[in-house]
Amino acid sequence: MKKVAGLLLAAGASTRMGRPKQLMPVSGSGLLDTVLREALRSDLDLVNLVLGHQAQAIKKALKTDLRHPKLEVTFNDQYRDGISTSIRSGLLGVEVAYDHVMIILADMPRLTSNLINLLLHRYSESPFSLGALQTSTKRSHPVIIGRKFYPALRELRGDVGARGLFLTHPDQILLVKPGADYDDRDIDTMDDYLDLIEETTE
């Protein structure tokens, strides 16, 4: 199977939430702990956790053992300039040893190791250099990007992710449908969070 490193992006300042959403409790764990745990349980060869805003406080609050053999932590001191800086920071730490990266957003509480593995294994069996989960309505996260597109990732600037790659190279994309029950919501606002908690406690 192809060697793939996960880039778990958790450096943002949570400006729309008004407080660090990485630490907001979800089913007994912080939001970031929830996603990190699933990433580490998956078949990814490495998880590079990219922190930025309040990085030390977040590291201290995490319940996940930061000495986990599959875990590395990267600090992005340019996080205020947008998500592109986290992608570049994470890539810098893995690009020598890994020919593929999976970009994982830290605010998707319903992401599971099984979903990560589904994308990972289907991508590994394919000839494509881009991969993504596909819901019934849209292309979604996580996404996988091969080495041939690393130069394009290094050129990203501002609050821009890898979407442009998927728009300009449709012939290079493997889309994996995980099933109708995949809840790919991300938690950006307090209303998002309260809706999640209400569903969890029903």
N, C-alpha and C. Protein backbone atom coordinates (compact mmCIF):
# COMPACT_ATOMS: atom_id res chain seq x y z
N MET A 1 0.84 -1.20 0.00
CA MET A 1 0.00 0.00 0.00
C MET A 1 0.87 1.25 0.00
N LYS A 2 0.38 2.29 -0.63
CA LYS A 2 1.12 3.54 -0.68
C LYS A 2 1.32 4.11 0.73
N LYS A 3 2.51 4.66 0.99
CA LYS A 3 2.77 5.31 2.27
C LYS A 3 2.14 6.70 2.26
N VAL A 4 1.28 6.95 3.21
CA VAL A 4 0.54 8.22 3.27
C VAL A 4 0.67 8.81 4.67
N ALA A 5 1.03 10.08 4.72
CA ALA A 5 1.07 10.83 5.98
C ALA A 5 -0.16 11.72 6.07
N GLY A 6 -0.78 11.72 7.23
CA GLY A 6 -1.90 12.63 7.46
C GLY A 6 -1.42 13.98 7.94
N LEU A 7 -2.01 15.04 7.39
CA LEU A 7 -1.78 16.40 7.89
C LEU A 7 -3.06 16.83 8.58
N LEU A 8 -3.06 16.82 9.90
CA LEU A 8 -4.25 17.18 10.67
C LEU A 8 -4.16 18.66 11.01
N LEU A 9 -4.98 19.47 10.36
CA LEU A 9 -4.87 20.92 10.44
C LEU A 9 -5.71 21.45 11.60
N ALA A 10 -5.01 21.99 12.62
CA ALA A 10 -5.68 22.46 13.84
C ALA A 10 -5.06 23.75 14.34
N ALA A 11 -4.61 24.60 13.43
CA ALA A 11 -3.86 25.79 13.83
C ALA A 11 -4.71 27.05 13.92
N GLY A 12 -5.94 27.00 13.44
CA GLY A 12 -6.74 28.21 13.32
C GLY A 12 -7.14 28.84 14.64
N ALA A 13 -7.53 30.11 14.55
CA ALA A 13 -7.87 30.88 15.74
C ALA A 13 -9.34 30.78 16.12
N SER A 14 -10.13 30.02 15.37
CA SER A 14 -11.56 29.82 15.69
C SER A 14 -12.30 31.15 15.83
N THR A 15 -12.05 32.06 14.92
CA THR A 15 -12.62 33.40 15.04
C THR A 15 -14.15 33.40 14.99
N ARG A 16 -14.73 32.51 14.21
CA ARG A 16 -16.18 32.47 14.11
C ARG A 16 -16.81 31.83 15.35
N MET A 17 -16.05 31.02 16.03
CA MET A 17 -16.55 30.38 17.25
C MET A 17 -16.40 31.32 18.45
N GLY A 18 -15.33 32.11 18.46
CA GLY A 18 -15.10 33.02 19.58
C GLY A 18 -14.30 32.43 20.71
N ARG A 19 -13.90 31.16 20.59
CA ARG A 19 -13.07 30.46 21.57
C ARG A 19 -12.42 29.29 20.85
N PRO A 20 -11.35 28.72 21.38
CA PRO A 20 -10.67 27.63 20.68
C PRO A 20 -11.56 26.40 20.54
N LYS A 21 -12.05 26.17 19.34
CA LYS A 21 -12.96 25.03 19.15
C LYS A 21 -12.25 23.70 19.28
N GLN A 22 -10.93 23.71 19.16
CA GLN A 22 -10.17 22.46 19.29
C GLN A 22 -10.44 21.75 20.61
N LEU A 23 -10.75 22.55 21.65
CA LEU A 23 -10.90 21.99 22.99
C LEU A 23 -12.35 21.85 23.43
N MET A 24 -13.29 22.22 22.60
CA MET A 24 -14.69 22.14 23.00
C MET A 24 -15.12 20.68 23.12
N PRO A 25 -15.81 20.33 24.21
CA PRO A 25 -16.11 18.91 24.47
C PRO A 25 -17.14 18.33 23.52
N VAL A 26 -16.83 17.12 23.06
CA VAL A 26 -17.72 16.36 22.20
C VAL A 26 -17.68 14.91 22.67
N SER A 27 -18.78 14.42 23.22
CA SER A 27 -18.87 13.02 23.67
C SER A 27 -17.72 12.62 24.59
N GLY A 28 -17.41 13.49 25.54
CA GLY A 28 -16.42 13.15 26.54
C GLY A 28 -14.99 13.50 26.20
N SER A 29 -14.74 13.99 24.98
CA SER A 29 -13.40 14.40 24.58
C SER A 29 -13.47 15.76 23.92
N GLY A 30 -12.31 16.43 23.84
CA GLY A 30 -12.27 17.66 23.07
C GLY A 30 -12.42 17.35 21.59
N LEU A 31 -12.86 18.33 20.82
CA LEU A 31 -13.09 18.14 19.39
C LEU A 31 -11.81 17.65 18.69
N LEU A 32 -10.69 18.28 18.99
CA LEU A 32 -9.44 17.87 18.37
C LEU A 32 -9.03 16.46 18.80
N ASP A 33 -9.17 16.16 20.09
CA ASP A 33 -8.87 14.81 20.57
C ASP A 33 -9.68 13.76 19.82
N THR A 34 -10.93 14.07 19.57
CA THR A 34 -11.82 13.14 18.89
C THR A 34 -11.31 12.80 17.50
N VAL A 35 -10.94 13.83 16.74
CA VAL A 35 -10.46 13.62 15.38
C VAL A 35 -9.07 12.99 15.38
N LEU A 36 -8.21 13.45 16.28
CA LEU A 36 -6.85 12.93 16.36
C LEU A 36 -6.86 11.44 16.71
N ARG A 37 -7.71 11.05 17.62
CA ARG A 37 -7.80 9.64 18.01
C ARG A 37 -8.15 8.77 16.81
N GLU A 38 -9.10 9.20 16.00
CA GLU A 38 -9.50 8.42 14.84
C GLU A 38 -8.38 8.37 13.79
N ALA A 39 -7.68 9.47 13.62
CA ALA A 39 -6.57 9.50 12.66
C ALA A 39 -5.47 8.53 13.08
N LEU A 40 -5.17 8.48 14.37
CA LEU A 40 -4.12 7.59 14.86
C LEU A 40 -4.55 6.13 14.82
N ARG A 41 -5.83 5.88 14.92
CA ARG A 41 -6.34 4.50 14.82
C ARG A 41 -6.34 3.99 13.39
N SER A 42 -6.26 4.87 12.45
CA SER A 42 -6.35 4.50 11.04
C SER A 42 -5.05 3.88 10.55
N ASP A 43 -5.03 3.52 9.27
CA ASP A 43 -3.86 2.92 8.66
C ASP A 43 -2.89 3.95 8.09
N LEU A 44 -3.09 5.21 8.38
CA LEU A 44 -2.10 6.21 7.99
C LEU A 44 -0.76 5.86 8.61
N ASP A 45 0.32 6.08 7.88
CA ASP A 45 1.64 5.75 8.39
C ASP A 45 2.13 6.76 9.42
N LEU A 46 1.64 7.97 9.33
CA LEU A 46 2.06 9.06 10.22
C LEU A 46 0.93 10.07 10.29
N VAL A 47 0.79 10.72 11.44
CA VAL A 47 -0.13 11.86 11.56
C VAL A 47 0.68 13.05 12.03
N ASN A 48 0.74 14.08 11.20
CA ASN A 48 1.43 15.32 11.54
C ASN A 48 0.37 16.33 11.97
N LEU A 49 0.29 16.58 13.26
CA LEU A 49 -0.68 17.52 13.83
C LEU A 49 -0.12 18.93 13.75
N VAL A 50 -0.80 19.80 13.02
CA VAL A 50 -0.33 21.17 12.83
C VAL A 50 -1.11 22.10 13.76
N LEU A 51 -0.40 22.67 14.72
CA LEU A 51 -0.99 23.61 15.68
C LEU A 51 -0.48 25.01 15.42
N GLY A 52 -1.22 26.00 15.95
CA GLY A 52 -0.83 27.40 15.79
C GLY A 52 -1.36 28.24 16.93
N HIS A 53 -2.61 28.71 16.80
CA HIS A 53 -3.22 29.54 17.82
C HIS A 53 -3.31 28.78 19.15
N GLN A 54 -2.78 29.40 20.21
CA GLN A 54 -2.78 28.81 21.56
C GLN A 54 -2.25 27.37 21.55
N ALA A 55 -1.19 27.16 20.80
CA ALA A 55 -0.66 25.81 20.61
C ALA A 55 -0.28 25.14 21.92
N GLN A 56 0.40 25.87 22.80
CA GLN A 56 0.86 25.24 24.04
C GLN A 56 -0.31 24.87 24.93
N ALA A 57 -1.32 25.72 25.02
CA ALA A 57 -2.50 25.42 25.83
C ALA A 57 -3.24 24.22 25.27
N ILE A 58 -3.31 24.13 23.96
CA ILE A 58 -4.01 23.01 23.33
C ILE A 58 -3.23 21.72 23.55
N LYS A 59 -1.91 21.75 23.38
CA LYS A 59 -1.10 20.56 23.63
C LYS A 59 -1.28 20.08 25.06
N LYS A 60 -1.28 21.01 25.99
CA LYS A 60 -1.40 20.65 27.40
C LYS A 60 -2.76 20.03 27.71
N ALA A 61 -3.79 20.49 27.01
CA ALA A 61 -5.15 20.01 27.30
C ALA A 61 -5.49 18.70 26.59
N LEU A 62 -4.73 18.33 25.58
CA LEU A 62 -5.04 17.10 24.85
C LEU A 62 -4.90 15.87 25.75
N LYS A 63 -5.85 14.96 25.61
CA LYS A 63 -5.77 13.69 26.34
C LYS A 63 -4.96 12.65 25.56
N THR A 64 -4.80 12.86 24.28
CA THR A 64 -4.01 11.95 23.46
C THR A 64 -2.55 12.01 23.87
N ASP A 65 -1.91 10.86 23.95
CA ASP A 65 -0.50 10.81 24.30
C ASP A 65 0.32 11.34 23.13
N LEU A 66 0.98 12.47 23.33
CA LEU A 66 1.74 13.10 22.26
C LEU A 66 3.03 12.34 21.94
N ARG A 67 3.32 11.28 22.71
CA ARG A 67 4.47 10.43 22.42
C ARG A 67 4.08 9.24 21.54
N HIS A 68 2.86 9.22 21.07
CA HIS A 68 2.40 8.14 20.20
C HIS A 68 3.38 7.98 19.03
N PRO A 69 3.79 6.76 18.71
CA PRO A 69 4.82 6.56 17.69
C PRO A 69 4.43 7.02 16.28
N LYS A 70 3.13 7.16 16.03
CA LYS A 70 2.69 7.62 14.71
C LYS A 70 2.43 9.12 14.66
N LEU A 71 2.71 9.82 15.75
CA LEU A 71 2.33 11.23 15.85
C LEU A 71 3.54 12.16 15.85
N GLU A 72 3.46 13.19 15.02
CA GLU A 72 4.38 14.32 15.09
C GLU A 72 3.56 15.59 15.25
N VAL A 73 4.13 16.59 15.90
CA VAL A 73 3.45 17.87 16.09
C VAL A 73 4.28 18.97 15.46
N THR A 74 3.63 19.76 14.62
CA THR A 74 4.29 20.88 13.95
C THR A 74 3.63 22.18 14.41
N PHE A 75 4.46 23.19 14.66
CA PHE A 75 3.92 24.50 15.03
C PHE A 75 3.98 25.43 13.82
N ASN A 76 2.84 25.98 13.46
CA ASN A 76 2.73 26.93 12.35
C ASN A 76 2.61 28.34 12.92
N ASP A 77 3.70 29.09 12.87
CA ASP A 77 3.66 30.43 13.45
C ASP A 77 3.05 31.46 12.51
N GLN A 78 2.65 31.03 11.31
CA GLN A 78 2.01 31.94 10.36
C GLN A 78 0.52 31.65 10.20
N TYR A 79 -0.06 30.98 11.18
CA TYR A 79 -1.45 30.53 11.06
C TYR A 79 -2.43 31.65 10.80
N ARG A 80 -2.09 32.88 11.22
CA ARG A 80 -3.00 34.00 11.00
C ARG A 80 -3.20 34.30 9.52
N ASP A 81 -2.30 33.81 8.68
CA ASP A 81 -2.38 34.06 7.24
C ASP A 81 -3.19 33.00 6.50
N GLY A 82 -3.85 32.13 7.23
CA GLY A 82 -4.79 31.23 6.58
C GLY A 82 -4.34 29.78 6.50
N ILE A 83 -5.27 28.94 6.02
CA ILE A 83 -5.07 27.50 6.03
C ILE A 83 -3.91 27.06 5.14
N SER A 84 -3.60 27.85 4.11
CA SER A 84 -2.48 27.47 3.24
C SER A 84 -1.18 27.35 4.03
N THR A 85 -1.01 28.17 5.05
CA THR A 85 0.22 28.11 5.83
C THR A 85 0.33 26.81 6.62
N SER A 86 -0.80 26.29 7.05
CA SER A 86 -0.79 25.02 7.78
C SER A 86 -0.49 23.85 6.84
N ILE A 87 -1.03 23.91 5.63
CA ILE A 87 -0.73 22.87 4.65
C ILE A 87 0.76 22.87 4.33
N ARG A 88 1.32 24.06 4.12
CA ARG A 88 2.75 24.15 3.80
C ARG A 88 3.60 23.70 4.98
N SER A 89 3.23 24.10 6.19
CA SER A 89 3.99 23.70 7.38
C SER A 89 3.97 22.19 7.57
N GLY A 90 2.79 21.60 7.44
CA GLY A 90 2.67 20.16 7.60
C GLY A 90 3.41 19.39 6.53
N LEU A 91 3.32 19.88 5.30
CA LEU A 91 4.00 19.22 4.18
C LEU A 91 5.50 19.24 4.37
N LEU A 92 6.03 20.33 4.87
CA LEU A 92 7.47 20.46 5.05
C LEU A 92 8.03 19.35 5.94
N GLY A 93 7.23 18.92 6.90
CA GLY A 93 7.71 17.90 7.83
C GLY A 93 7.63 16.48 7.32
N VAL A 94 6.93 16.26 6.20
CA VAL A 94 6.72 14.87 5.75
C VAL A 94 7.12 14.62 4.30
N GLU A 95 7.38 15.68 3.53
CA GLU A 95 7.50 15.51 2.09
C GLU A 95 8.70 14.66 1.66
N VAL A 96 9.74 14.59 2.46
CA VAL A 96 10.90 13.78 2.09
C VAL A 96 10.57 12.29 2.14
N ALA A 97 9.87 11.88 3.17
CA ALA A 97 9.65 10.45 3.42
C ALA A 97 8.34 9.91 2.85
N TYR A 98 7.39 10.79 2.53
CA TYR A 98 6.06 10.33 2.13
C TYR A 98 5.67 10.92 0.78
N ASP A 99 5.22 10.04 -0.12
CA ASP A 99 4.84 10.46 -1.47
C ASP A 99 3.39 10.91 -1.57
N HIS A 100 2.65 10.77 -0.48
CA HIS A 100 1.23 11.14 -0.49
C HIS A 100 0.86 11.70 0.88
N VAL A 101 -0.02 12.70 0.88
CA VAL A 101 -0.51 13.26 2.14
C VAL A 101 -2.04 13.27 2.12
N MET A 102 -2.61 13.00 3.28
CA MET A 102 -4.05 13.14 3.45
C MET A 102 -4.30 14.36 4.32
N ILE A 103 -5.02 15.32 3.80
CA ILE A 103 -5.35 16.52 4.55
C ILE A 103 -6.66 16.28 5.31
N ILE A 104 -6.57 16.42 6.63
CA ILE A 104 -7.70 16.16 7.52
C ILE A 104 -7.99 17.43 8.31
N LEU A 105 -9.24 17.83 8.34
CA LEU A 105 -9.65 19.01 9.10
C LEU A 105 -9.99 18.60 10.53
N ALA A 106 -9.54 19.41 11.48
CA ALA A 106 -9.68 19.05 12.90
C ALA A 106 -11.07 19.32 13.46
N ASP A 107 -11.96 19.88 12.65
CA ASP A 107 -13.28 20.25 13.19
C ASP A 107 -14.40 19.41 12.59
N MET A 108 -14.08 18.15 12.19
CA MET A 108 -15.09 17.25 11.63
C MET A 108 -15.31 16.09 12.61
N PRO A 109 -16.20 16.26 13.57
CA PRO A 109 -16.32 15.29 14.68
C PRO A 109 -16.85 13.92 14.27
N ARG A 110 -17.47 13.79 13.09
CA ARG A 110 -18.03 12.51 12.67
C ARG A 110 -17.06 11.70 11.81
N LEU A 111 -15.87 12.22 11.58
CA LEU A 111 -14.89 11.47 10.82
C LEU A 111 -14.38 10.29 11.65
N THR A 112 -14.30 9.11 11.03
CA THR A 112 -13.86 7.92 11.74
C THR A 112 -12.65 7.30 11.06
N SER A 113 -11.97 6.43 11.79
CA SER A 113 -10.83 5.72 11.22
C SER A 113 -11.27 4.85 10.05
N ASN A 114 -12.49 4.31 10.10
CA ASN A 114 -12.98 3.49 8.99
C ASN A 114 -13.13 4.30 7.72
N LEU A 115 -13.60 5.54 7.84
CA LEU A 115 -13.73 6.40 6.67
C LEU A 115 -12.36 6.78 6.12
N ILE A 116 -11.43 7.09 7.02
CA ILE A 116 -10.07 7.39 6.60
C ILE A 116 -9.48 6.19 5.85
N ASN A 117 -9.67 4.99 6.39
CA ASN A 117 -9.13 3.79 5.77
C ASN A 117 -9.79 3.50 4.42
N LEU A 118 -11.08 3.75 4.32
CA LEU A 118 -11.78 3.54 3.05
C LEU A 118 -11.14 4.37 1.94
N LEU A 119 -10.95 5.65 2.21
CA LEU A 119 -10.32 6.53 1.23
C LEU A 119 -8.88 6.10 0.97
N LEU A 120 -8.16 5.79 2.03
CA LEU A 120 -6.76 5.43 1.94
C LEU A 120 -6.55 4.18 1.07
N HIS A 121 -7.33 3.16 1.29
CA HIS A 121 -7.15 1.90 0.58
C HIS A 121 -7.62 2.01 -0.88
N ARG A 122 -8.74 2.69 -1.10
CA ARG A 122 -9.20 2.86 -2.48
C ARG A 122 -8.19 3.68 -3.28
N TYR A 123 -7.66 4.71 -2.68
CA TYR A 123 -6.66 5.54 -3.35
C TYR A 123 -5.40 4.73 -3.64
N SER A 124 -4.96 3.93 -2.69
CA SER A 124 -3.74 3.14 -2.86
C SER A 124 -3.87 2.14 -4.00
N GLU A 125 -5.09 1.68 -4.24
CA GLU A 125 -5.33 0.71 -5.31
C GLU A 125 -5.50 1.37 -6.67
N SER A 126 -5.52 2.70 -6.71
CA SER A 126 -5.82 3.43 -7.94
C SER A 126 -4.55 4.03 -8.55
N PRO A 127 -4.63 4.47 -9.81
CA PRO A 127 -3.50 5.15 -10.44
C PRO A 127 -3.55 6.67 -10.26
N PHE A 128 -4.51 7.17 -9.50
CA PHE A 128 -4.74 8.61 -9.43
C PHE A 128 -3.83 9.29 -8.42
N SER A 129 -3.66 10.61 -8.58
CA SER A 129 -2.81 11.41 -7.69
C SER A 129 -3.62 12.32 -6.78
N LEU A 130 -4.93 12.32 -6.92
CA LEU A 130 -5.83 13.08 -6.05
C LEU A 130 -6.97 12.16 -5.64
N GLY A 131 -7.36 12.26 -4.38
CA GLY A 131 -8.47 11.45 -3.90
C GLY A 131 -9.29 12.22 -2.88
N ALA A 132 -10.57 11.92 -2.83
CA ALA A 132 -11.44 12.61 -1.88
C ALA A 132 -12.68 11.77 -1.61
N LEU A 133 -13.28 11.99 -0.45
CA LEU A 133 -14.59 11.41 -0.18
C LEU A 133 -15.65 12.20 -0.94
N GLN A 134 -16.69 11.53 -1.33
CA GLN A 134 -17.77 12.14 -2.11
C GLN A 134 -19.10 11.84 -1.43
N THR A 135 -19.79 12.88 -0.96
CA THR A 135 -21.12 12.69 -0.40
C THR A 135 -22.13 12.70 -1.54
N SER A 136 -23.39 12.63 -1.20
CA SER A 136 -24.42 12.63 -2.24
C SER A 136 -24.52 13.97 -2.96
N THR A 137 -23.96 15.01 -2.36
CA THR A 137 -24.11 16.35 -2.95
C THR A 137 -22.80 17.04 -3.33
N LYS A 138 -21.66 16.57 -2.79
CA LYS A 138 -20.42 17.33 -3.06
C LYS A 138 -19.18 16.51 -2.75
N ARG A 139 -18.05 16.98 -3.29
CA ARG A 139 -16.76 16.43 -2.88
C ARG A 139 -16.47 16.93 -1.48
N SER A 140 -15.91 16.06 -0.65
CA SER A 140 -15.75 16.41 0.75
C SER A 140 -14.36 16.04 1.25
N HIS A 141 -14.13 16.23 2.53
CA HIS A 141 -12.87 15.88 3.20
C HIS A 141 -13.03 14.56 3.94
N PRO A 142 -11.91 13.90 4.16
CA PRO A 142 -10.52 14.26 3.85
C PRO A 142 -10.22 14.16 2.35
N VAL A 143 -9.04 14.67 1.99
CA VAL A 143 -8.55 14.53 0.62
C VAL A 143 -7.12 13.99 0.67
N ILE A 144 -6.72 13.31 -0.40
CA ILE A 144 -5.35 12.82 -0.53
C ILE A 144 -4.70 13.46 -1.75
N ILE A 145 -3.44 13.81 -1.61
CA ILE A 145 -2.70 14.48 -2.68
C ILE A 145 -1.35 13.82 -2.84
N GLY A 146 -1.01 13.46 -4.09
CA GLY A 146 0.25 12.81 -4.38
C GLY A 146 1.38 13.78 -4.63
N ARG A 147 2.60 13.24 -4.64
CA ARG A 147 3.80 14.06 -4.74
C ARG A 147 3.83 14.96 -5.97
N LYS A 148 3.26 14.54 -7.07
CA LYS A 148 3.32 15.36 -8.28
C LYS A 148 2.67 16.73 -8.06
N PHE A 149 1.81 16.83 -7.04
CA PHE A 149 1.14 18.09 -6.75
C PHE A 149 1.74 18.83 -5.54
N TYR A 150 2.81 18.31 -4.96
CA TYR A 150 3.45 19.01 -3.85
C TYR A 150 3.89 20.42 -4.23
N PRO A 151 4.47 20.62 -5.42
CA PRO A 151 4.85 22.00 -5.78
C PRO A 151 3.68 22.97 -5.74
N ALA A 152 2.50 22.50 -6.17
CA ALA A 152 1.32 23.37 -6.14
C ALA A 152 0.90 23.67 -4.70
N LEU A 153 1.05 22.70 -3.80
CA LEU A 153 0.74 22.95 -2.39
C LEU A 153 1.69 23.98 -1.80
N ARG A 154 2.96 23.92 -2.19
CA ARG A 154 3.94 24.88 -1.67
C ARG A 154 3.64 26.30 -2.15
N GLU A 155 2.92 26.42 -3.25
CA GLU A 155 2.60 27.74 -3.81
C GLU A 155 1.32 28.34 -3.23
N LEU A 156 0.60 27.60 -2.42
CA LEU A 156 -0.64 28.12 -1.85
C LEU A 156 -0.37 29.32 -0.94
N ARG A 157 -1.23 30.30 -0.99
CA ARG A 157 -1.12 31.48 -0.15
C ARG A 157 -2.50 31.88 0.36
N GLY A 158 -2.53 32.49 1.55
CA GLY A 158 -3.78 32.99 2.10
C GLY A 158 -4.67 31.89 2.66
N ASP A 159 -5.93 32.21 2.82
CA ASP A 159 -6.87 31.27 3.41
C ASP A 159 -7.45 30.37 2.31
N VAL A 160 -6.55 29.64 1.67
CA VAL A 160 -6.90 28.81 0.51
C VAL A 160 -6.33 27.42 0.72
N GLY A 161 -7.19 26.41 0.54
CA GLY A 161 -6.74 25.03 0.64
C GLY A 161 -6.45 24.44 -0.72
N ALA A 162 -6.68 23.15 -0.85
CA ALA A 162 -6.30 22.44 -2.07
C ALA A 162 -7.44 22.36 -3.08
N ARG A 163 -8.51 23.09 -2.86
CA ARG A 163 -9.67 22.98 -3.75
C ARG A 163 -9.31 23.24 -5.21
N GLY A 164 -8.42 24.21 -5.43
CA GLY A 164 -8.06 24.56 -6.80
C GLY A 164 -7.47 23.40 -7.57
N LEU A 165 -6.70 22.55 -6.89
CA LEU A 165 -6.13 21.38 -7.54
C LEU A 165 -7.23 20.46 -8.07
N PHE A 166 -8.26 20.28 -7.29
CA PHE A 166 -9.33 19.38 -7.67
C PHE A 166 -10.18 19.98 -8.79
N LEU A 167 -10.24 21.29 -8.86
CA LEU A 167 -10.99 21.94 -9.93
C LEU A 167 -10.24 21.91 -11.26
N THR A 168 -8.93 22.00 -11.20
CA THR A 168 -8.14 22.10 -12.43
C THR A 168 -7.62 20.76 -12.94
N HIS A 169 -7.74 19.71 -12.14
CA HIS A 169 -7.25 18.39 -12.55
C HIS A 169 -8.31 17.31 -12.34
N PRO A 170 -9.49 17.47 -12.92
CA PRO A 170 -10.56 16.49 -12.68
C PRO A 170 -10.22 15.09 -13.16
N ASP A 171 -9.33 14.97 -14.13
CA ASP A 171 -8.96 13.66 -14.66
C ASP A 171 -8.02 12.90 -13.73
N GLN A 172 -7.54 13.57 -12.68
CA GLN A 172 -6.60 12.96 -11.75
C GLN A 172 -7.26 12.54 -10.43
N ILE A 173 -8.60 12.67 -10.36
CA ILE A 173 -9.29 12.51 -9.07
C ILE A 173 -9.97 11.15 -8.94
N LEU A 174 -9.74 10.51 -7.81
CA LEU A 174 -10.52 9.36 -7.39
C LEU A 174 -11.53 9.84 -6.34
N LEU A 175 -12.81 9.67 -6.62
CA LEU A 175 -13.85 10.02 -5.66
C LEU A 175 -14.41 8.74 -5.03
N VAL A 176 -14.44 8.72 -3.71
CA VAL A 176 -14.87 7.54 -2.96
C VAL A 176 -16.15 7.88 -2.22
N LYS A 177 -17.19 7.10 -2.47
CA LYS A 177 -18.48 7.32 -1.82
C LYS A 177 -18.58 6.43 -0.58
N PRO A 178 -18.61 7.04 0.60
CA PRO A 178 -18.62 6.24 1.83
C PRO A 178 -20.00 5.76 2.24
N GLY A 179 -21.03 6.23 1.57
CA GLY A 179 -22.38 5.83 1.95
C GLY A 179 -23.21 7.03 2.39
N ALA A 180 -24.50 6.86 2.35
CA ALA A 180 -25.41 7.98 2.62
C ALA A 180 -25.35 8.48 4.05
N ASP A 181 -24.80 7.67 4.95
CA ASP A 181 -24.81 8.05 6.36
C ASP A 181 -23.59 8.86 6.77
N TYR A 182 -22.71 9.22 5.83
CA TYR A 182 -21.52 9.99 6.20
C TYR A 182 -21.91 11.43 6.53
N ASP A 183 -21.65 11.81 7.75
CA ASP A 183 -21.94 13.17 8.23
C ASP A 183 -20.65 13.96 8.17
N ASP A 184 -20.50 14.78 7.13
CA ASP A 184 -19.22 15.48 6.92
C ASP A 184 -19.25 16.92 7.43
N ARG A 185 -20.13 17.22 8.34
CA ARG A 185 -20.22 18.59 8.84
C ARG A 185 -18.91 19.00 9.52
N ASP A 186 -18.61 20.28 9.44
CA ASP A 186 -17.53 20.84 10.24
C ASP A 186 -18.15 21.84 11.22
N ILE A 187 -17.43 22.07 12.31
CA ILE A 187 -17.95 22.90 13.39
C ILE A 187 -17.24 24.24 13.36
N ASP A 188 -17.95 25.25 12.85
CA ASP A 188 -17.35 26.58 12.72
C ASP A 188 -17.91 27.60 13.70
N THR A 189 -19.19 27.49 14.01
CA THR A 189 -19.86 28.49 14.84
C THR A 189 -20.46 27.83 16.08
N MET A 190 -20.86 28.67 17.02
CA MET A 190 -21.50 28.15 18.23
C MET A 190 -22.81 27.44 17.88
N ASP A 191 -23.54 27.93 16.90
CA ASP A 191 -24.76 27.24 16.48
C ASP A 191 -24.45 25.84 15.96
N ASP A 192 -23.38 25.71 15.18
CA ASP A 192 -22.96 24.39 14.70
C ASP A 192 -22.71 23.46 15.88
N TYR A 193 -21.99 23.98 16.85
CA TYR A 193 -21.62 23.18 18.02
C TYR A 193 -22.85 22.78 18.83
N LEU A 194 -23.75 23.72 19.07
CA LEU A 194 -24.94 23.42 19.86
C LEU A 194 -25.83 22.40 19.16
N ASP A 195 -25.91 22.48 17.83
CA ASP A 195 -26.69 21.49 17.07
C ASP A 195 -26.09 20.10 17.25
N LEU A 196 -24.76 20.02 17.19
CA LEU A 196 -24.07 18.74 17.37
C LEU A 196 -24.34 18.17 18.75
N ILE A 197 -24.21 19.00 19.79
CA ILE A 197 -24.40 18.55 21.16
C ILE A 197 -25.84 18.10 21.38
N GLU A 198 -26.77 18.82 20.80
CA GLU A 198 -28.18 18.44 20.95
C GLU A 198 -28.44 17.06 20.34
N GLU A 199 -27.85 16.81 19.17
CA GLU A 199 -28.04 15.51 18.54
C GLU A 199 -27.36 14.40 19.36
N THR A 200 -26.20 14.72 19.90
CA THR A 200 -25.44 13.72 20.66
C THR A 200 -26.14 13.30 21.93
N THR A 201 -26.90 14.21 22.54
CA THR A 201 -27.56 13.94 23.81
C THR A 201 -29.00 13.46 23.67
N GLU A 202 -29.48 13.41 22.43
CA GLU A 202 -30.87 12.95 22.24
C GLU A 202 -31.03 11.47 22.53
